[in-house]
Amino acid sequence: MKKPIGTIAKTGEKCPESGVWKVTSLPTTTAPISKGNTMPPYNNKGVNWKLIQHA
């Protein structure tokens, strides 16, 4: 079963669901991240990523 849109994952955690993820803070960005990959930092900082679209 897929994780719901809006799921949050932090930098360094394993991605819980493949899809498009968006940084919740400013400045923001989006990135396609595959399930099982490590959630990346953004601007050399640890951030929260929110799932906005399933793959």
PDB file of N, CA and C in Angstrom:
ATOM      1  N   MET A   1       0.839  -1.191   0.000  1.00  0.00           N
ATOM      2  CA  MET A   1       0.000   0.000   0.000  1.00  0.00           C
ATOM      3  C   MET A   1       0.883   1.254   0.000  1.00  0.00           C
ATOM      4  N   LYS A   2       0.514   2.214  -0.820  1.00  0.00           N
ATOM      5  CA  LYS A   2       1.321   3.428  -0.941  1.00  0.00           C
ATOM      6  C   LYS A   2       1.153   4.328   0.279  1.00  0.00           C
ATOM      7  N   LYS A   3       2.234   5.026   0.601  1.00  0.00           N
ATOM      8  CA  LYS A   3       2.159   6.050   1.641  1.00  0.00           C
ATOM      9  C   LYS A   3       1.310   7.198   1.106  1.00  0.00           C
ATOM     10  N   PRO A   4       0.560   7.887   1.979  1.00  0.00           N
ATOM     11  CA  PRO A   4      -0.310   8.959   1.496  1.00  0.00           C
ATOM     12  C   PRO A   4       0.458  10.219   1.090  1.00  0.00           C
ATOM     13  N   ILE A   5      -0.145  10.969   0.162  1.00  0.00           N
ATOM     14  CA  ILE A   5       0.377  12.295  -0.178  1.00  0.00           C
ATOM     15  C   ILE A   5       0.436  13.098   1.123  1.00  0.00           C
ATOM     16  N   GLY A   6       1.516  13.835   1.309  1.00  0.00           N
ATOM     17  CA  GLY A   6       1.693  14.597   2.549  1.00  0.00           C
ATOM     18  C   GLY A   6       2.614  13.914   3.543  1.00  0.00           C
ATOM     19  N   THR A   7       3.012  12.664   3.260  1.00  0.00           N
ATOM     20  CA  THR A   7       3.970  11.964   4.116  1.00  0.00           C
ATOM     21  C   THR A   7       5.250  12.791   4.213  1.00  0.00           C
ATOM     22  N   ILE A   8       5.827  12.870   5.408  1.00  0.00           N
ATOM     23  CA  ILE A   8       7.056  13.630   5.643  1.00  0.00           C
ATOM     24  C   ILE A   8       8.212  12.661   5.883  1.00  0.00           C
ATOM     25  N   ALA A   9       9.360  12.961   5.271  1.00  0.00           N
ATOM     26  CA  ALA A   9      10.600  12.224   5.519  1.00  0.00           C
ATOM     27  C   ALA A   9      11.720  13.245   5.681  1.00  0.00           C
ATOM     28  N   LYS A  10      12.673  12.927   6.555  1.00  0.00           N
ATOM     29  CA  LYS A  10      13.773  13.852   6.842  1.00  0.00           C
ATOM     30  C   LYS A  10      15.042  13.448   6.107  1.00  0.00           C
ATOM     31  N   THR A  11      15.899  14.429   5.860  1.00  0.00           N
ATOM     32  CA  THR A  11      17.214  14.170   5.287  1.00  0.00           C
ATOM     33  C   THR A  11      17.889  13.048   6.080  1.00  0.00           C
ATOM     34  N   GLY A  12      18.448  12.073   5.357  1.00  0.00           N
ATOM     35  CA  GLY A  12      19.153  10.959   5.983  1.00  0.00           C
ATOM     36  C   GLY A  12      18.298   9.727   6.180  1.00  0.00           C
ATOM     37  N   GLU A  13      16.966   9.883   6.168  1.00  0.00           N
ATOM     38  CA  GLU A  13      16.082   8.730   6.289  1.00  0.00           C
ATOM     39  C   GLU A  13      15.950   8.033   4.938  1.00  0.00           C
ATOM     40  N   LYS A  14      15.509   6.790   4.968  1.00  0.00           N
ATOM     41  CA  LYS A  14      15.216   6.078   3.721  1.00  0.00           C
ATOM     42  C   LYS A  14      13.875   6.574   3.190  1.00  0.00           C
ATOM     43  N   CYS A  15      13.820   6.803   1.891  1.00  0.00           N
ATOM     44  CA  CYS A  15      12.592   7.271   1.262  1.00  0.00           C
ATOM     45  C   CYS A  15      11.503   6.207   1.414  1.00  0.00           C
ATOM     46  N   PRO A  16      10.345   6.565   1.995  1.00  0.00           N
ATOM     47  CA  PRO A  16       9.300   5.567   2.221  1.00  0.00           C
ATOM     48  C   PRO A  16       8.405   5.293   1.012  1.00  0.00           C
ATOM     49  N   GLU A  17       8.478   6.151  -0.025  1.00  0.00           N
ATOM     50  CA  GLU A  17       7.605   5.995  -1.189  1.00  0.00           C
ATOM     51  C   GLU A  17       8.204   6.714  -2.396  1.00  0.00           C
ATOM     52  N   SER A  18       8.213   6.046  -3.545  1.00  0.00           N
ATOM     53  CA  SER A  18       8.699   6.682  -4.768  1.00  0.00           C
ATOM     54  C   SER A  18       7.726   7.760  -5.217  1.00  0.00           C
ATOM     55  N   GLY A  19       8.284   8.907  -5.602  1.00  0.00           N
ATOM     56  CA  GLY A  19       7.435   9.976  -6.098  1.00  0.00           C
ATOM     57  C   GLY A  19       8.169  11.296  -6.136  1.00  0.00           C
ATOM     58  N   VAL A  20       7.389  12.370  -6.239  1.00  0.00           N
ATOM     59  CA  VAL A  20       7.946  13.715  -6.236  1.00  0.00           C
ATOM     60  C   VAL A  20       7.827  14.263  -4.814  1.00  0.00           C
ATOM     61  N   TRP A  21       8.960  14.707  -4.303  1.00  0.00           N
ATOM     62  CA  TRP A  21       9.052  15.215  -2.940  1.00  0.00           C
ATOM     63  C   TRP A  21       9.402  16.692  -2.967  1.00  0.00           C
ATOM     64  N   LYS A  22       8.860  17.465  -1.997  1.00  0.00           N
ATOM     65  CA  LYS A  22       9.084  18.905  -1.936  1.00  0.00           C
ATOM     66  C   LYS A  22       9.631  19.275  -0.561  1.00  0.00           C
ATOM     67  N   VAL A  23      10.631  20.151  -0.551  1.00  0.00           N
ATOM     68  CA  VAL A  23      11.175  20.661   0.713  1.00  0.00           C
ATOM     69  C   VAL A  23      10.103  21.533   1.369  1.00  0.00           C
ATOM     70  N   THR A  24       9.893  21.346   2.679  1.00  0.00           N
ATOM     71  CA  THR A  24       8.808  22.056   3.365  1.00  0.00           C
ATOM     72  C   THR A  24       9.200  23.457   3.821  1.00  0.00           C
ATOM     73  N   SER A  25      10.502  23.775   3.789  1.00  0.00           N
ATOM     74  CA  SER A  25      10.960  25.095   4.225  1.00  0.00           C
ATOM     75  C   SER A  25      11.356  25.940   3.008  1.00  0.00           C
ATOM     76  N   LEU A  26      11.682  27.203   3.261  1.00  0.00           N
ATOM     77  CA  LEU A  26      12.123  28.107   2.189  1.00  0.00           C
ATOM     78  C   LEU A  26      13.624  28.307   2.272  1.00  0.00           C
ATOM     79  N   PRO A  27      14.349  28.393   1.161  1.00  0.00           N
ATOM     80  CA  PRO A  27      13.827  28.187  -0.195  1.00  0.00           C
ATOM     81  C   PRO A  27      13.429  26.731  -0.387  1.00  0.00           C
ATOM     82  N   THR A  28      12.524  26.494  -1.311  1.00  0.00           N
ATOM     83  CA  THR A  28      12.022  25.143  -1.523  1.00  0.00           C
ATOM     84  C   THR A  28      12.443  24.625  -2.894  1.00  0.00           C
ATOM     85  N   THR A  29      12.288  23.342  -3.073  1.00  0.00           N
ATOM     86  CA  THR A  29      12.544  22.695  -4.347  1.00  0.00           C
ATOM     87  C   THR A  29      11.763  21.399  -4.371  1.00  0.00           C
ATOM     88  N   THR A  30      11.683  20.783  -5.528  1.00  0.00           N
ATOM     89  CA  THR A  30      11.091  19.451  -5.639  1.00  0.00           C
ATOM     90  C   THR A  30      12.119  18.523  -6.268  1.00  0.00           C
ATOM     91  N   ALA A  31      11.959  17.234  -5.987  1.00  0.00           N
ATOM     92  CA  ALA A  31      12.872  16.240  -6.553  1.00  0.00           C
ATOM     93  C   ALA A  31      12.164  14.896  -6.642  1.00  0.00           C
ATOM     94  N   PRO A  32      12.412  14.153  -7.736  1.00  0.00           N
ATOM     95  CA  PRO A  32      11.921  12.778  -7.788  1.00  0.00           C
ATOM     96  C   PRO A  32      12.869  11.893  -6.978  1.00  0.00           C
ATOM     97  N   ILE A  33      12.318  11.147  -6.045  1.00  0.00           N
ATOM     98  CA  ILE A  33      13.136  10.285  -5.184  1.00  0.00           C
ATOM     99  C   ILE A  33      12.483   8.911  -5.143  1.00  0.00           C
ATOM    100  N   SER A  34      13.299   7.881  -5.318  1.00  0.00           N
ATOM    101  CA  SER A  34      12.795   6.506  -5.340  1.00  0.00           C
ATOM    102  C   SER A  34      12.793   5.890  -3.954  1.00  0.00           C
ATOM    103  N   LYS A  35      11.811   5.043  -3.724  1.00  0.00           N
ATOM    104  CA  LYS A  35      11.685   4.326  -2.451  1.00  0.00           C
ATOM    105  C   LYS A  35      12.992   3.601  -2.146  1.00  0.00           C
ATOM    106  N   GLY A  36      13.444   3.727  -0.905  1.00  0.00           N
ATOM    107  CA  GLY A  36      14.664   3.055  -0.465  1.00  0.00           C
ATOM    108  C   GLY A  36      15.910   3.910  -0.572  1.00  0.00           C
ATOM    109  N   ASN A  37      15.866   4.979  -1.392  1.00  0.00           N
ATOM    110  CA  ASN A  37      17.009   5.891  -1.476  1.00  0.00           C
ATOM    111  C   ASN A  37      17.056   6.757  -0.221  1.00  0.00           C
ATOM    112  N   THR A  38      18.221   7.301   0.064  1.00  0.00           N
ATOM    113  CA  THR A  38      18.376   8.188   1.212  1.00  0.00           C
ATOM    114  C   THR A  38      17.860   9.580   0.851  1.00  0.00           C
ATOM    115  N   MET A  39      17.032  10.147   1.723  1.00  0.00           N
ATOM    116  CA  MET A  39      16.510  11.497   1.487  1.00  0.00           C
ATOM    117  C   MET A  39      17.683  12.476   1.549  1.00  0.00           C
ATOM    118  N   PRO A  40      17.820  13.310   0.524  1.00  0.00           N
ATOM    119  CA  PRO A  40      19.009  14.165   0.430  1.00  0.00           C
ATOM    120  C   PRO A  40      18.898  15.454   1.246  1.00  0.00           C
ATOM    121  N   PRO A  41      20.045  16.092   1.502  1.00  0.00           N
ATOM    122  CA  PRO A  41      20.013  17.446   2.059  1.00  0.00           C
ATOM    123  C   PRO A  41      19.651  18.439   0.948  1.00  0.00           C
ATOM    124  N   TYR A  42      19.342  19.652   1.333  1.00  0.00           N
ATOM    125  CA  TYR A  42      19.091  20.719   0.364  1.00  0.00           C
ATOM    126  C   TYR A  42      19.818  21.964   0.849  1.00  0.00           C
ATOM    127  N   ASN A  43      20.569  22.607  -0.039  1.00  0.00           N
ATOM    128  CA  ASN A  43      21.420  23.755   0.335  1.00  0.00           C
ATOM    129  C   ASN A  43      22.370  23.385   1.480  1.00  0.00           C
ATOM    130  N   ASN A  44      22.871  22.141   1.433  1.00  0.00           N
ATOM    131  CA  ASN A  44      23.807  21.635   2.447  1.00  0.00           C
ATOM    132  C   ASN A  44      23.220  21.604   3.848  1.00  0.00           C
ATOM    133  N   LYS A  45      21.884  21.488   3.953  1.00  0.00           N
ATOM    134  CA  LYS A  45      21.217  21.438   5.259  1.00  0.00           C
ATOM    135  C   LYS A  45      20.258  20.257   5.297  1.00  0.00           C
ATOM    136  N   GLY A  46      20.050  19.754   6.503  1.00  0.00           N
ATOM    137  CA  GLY A  46      19.022  18.742   6.702  1.00  0.00           C
ATOM    138  C   GLY A  46      17.654  19.403   6.611  1.00  0.00           C
ATOM    139  N   VAL A  47      16.744  18.794   5.869  1.00  0.00           N
ATOM    140  CA  VAL A  47      15.409  19.368   5.673  1.00  0.00           C
ATOM    141  C   VAL A  47      14.344  18.284   5.801  1.00  0.00           C
ATOM    142  N   ASN A  48      13.102  18.725   5.914  1.00  0.00           N
ATOM    143  CA  ASN A  48      11.951  17.824   5.823  1.00  0.00           C
ATOM    144  C   ASN A  48      11.453  17.842   4.386  1.00  0.00           C
ATOM    145  N   TRP A  49      11.170  16.656   3.876  1.00  0.00           N
ATOM    146  CA  TRP A  49      10.613  16.499   2.535  1.00  0.00           C
ATOM    147  C   TRP A  49       9.178  16.008   2.662  1.00  0.00           C
ATOM    148  N   LYS A  50       8.287  16.560   1.843  1.00  0.00           N
ATOM    149  CA  LYS A  50       6.875  16.142   1.841  1.00  0.00           C
ATOM    150  C   LYS A  50       6.535  15.527   0.490  1.00  0.00           C
ATOM    151  N   LEU A  51       5.895  14.370   0.525  1.00  0.00           N
ATOM    152  CA  LEU A  51       5.462  13.693  -0.701  1.00  0.00           C
ATOM    153  C   LEU A  51       4.306  14.477  -1.322  1.00  0.00           C
ATOM    154  N   ILE A  52       4.473  14.923  -2.577  1.00  0.00           N
ATOM    155  CA  ILE A  52       3.413  15.694  -3.237  1.00  0.00           C
ATOM    156  C   ILE A  52       2.801  14.959  -4.435  1.00  0.00           C
ATOM    157  N   GLN A  53       3.478  13.899  -4.916  1.00  0.00           N
ATOM    158  CA  GLN A  53       2.959  13.154  -6.069  1.00  0.00           C
ATOM    159  C   GLN A  53       3.554  11.753  -6.062  1.00  0.00           C
ATOM    160  N   HIS A  54       2.702  10.759  -6.267  1.00  0.00           N
ATOM    161  CA  HIS A  54       3.210   9.388  -6.386  1.00  0.00           C
ATOM    162  C   HIS A  54       3.884   9.194  -7.734  1.00  0.00           C
ATOM    163  N   ALA A  55       4.842   8.260  -7.774  1.00  0.00           N
ATOM    164  CA  ALA A  55       5.546   7.946  -9.029  1.00  0.00           C
ATOM    165  C   ALA A  55       4.631   7.191  -9.965  1.00  0.00           C
TER     166      ALA A  55
END
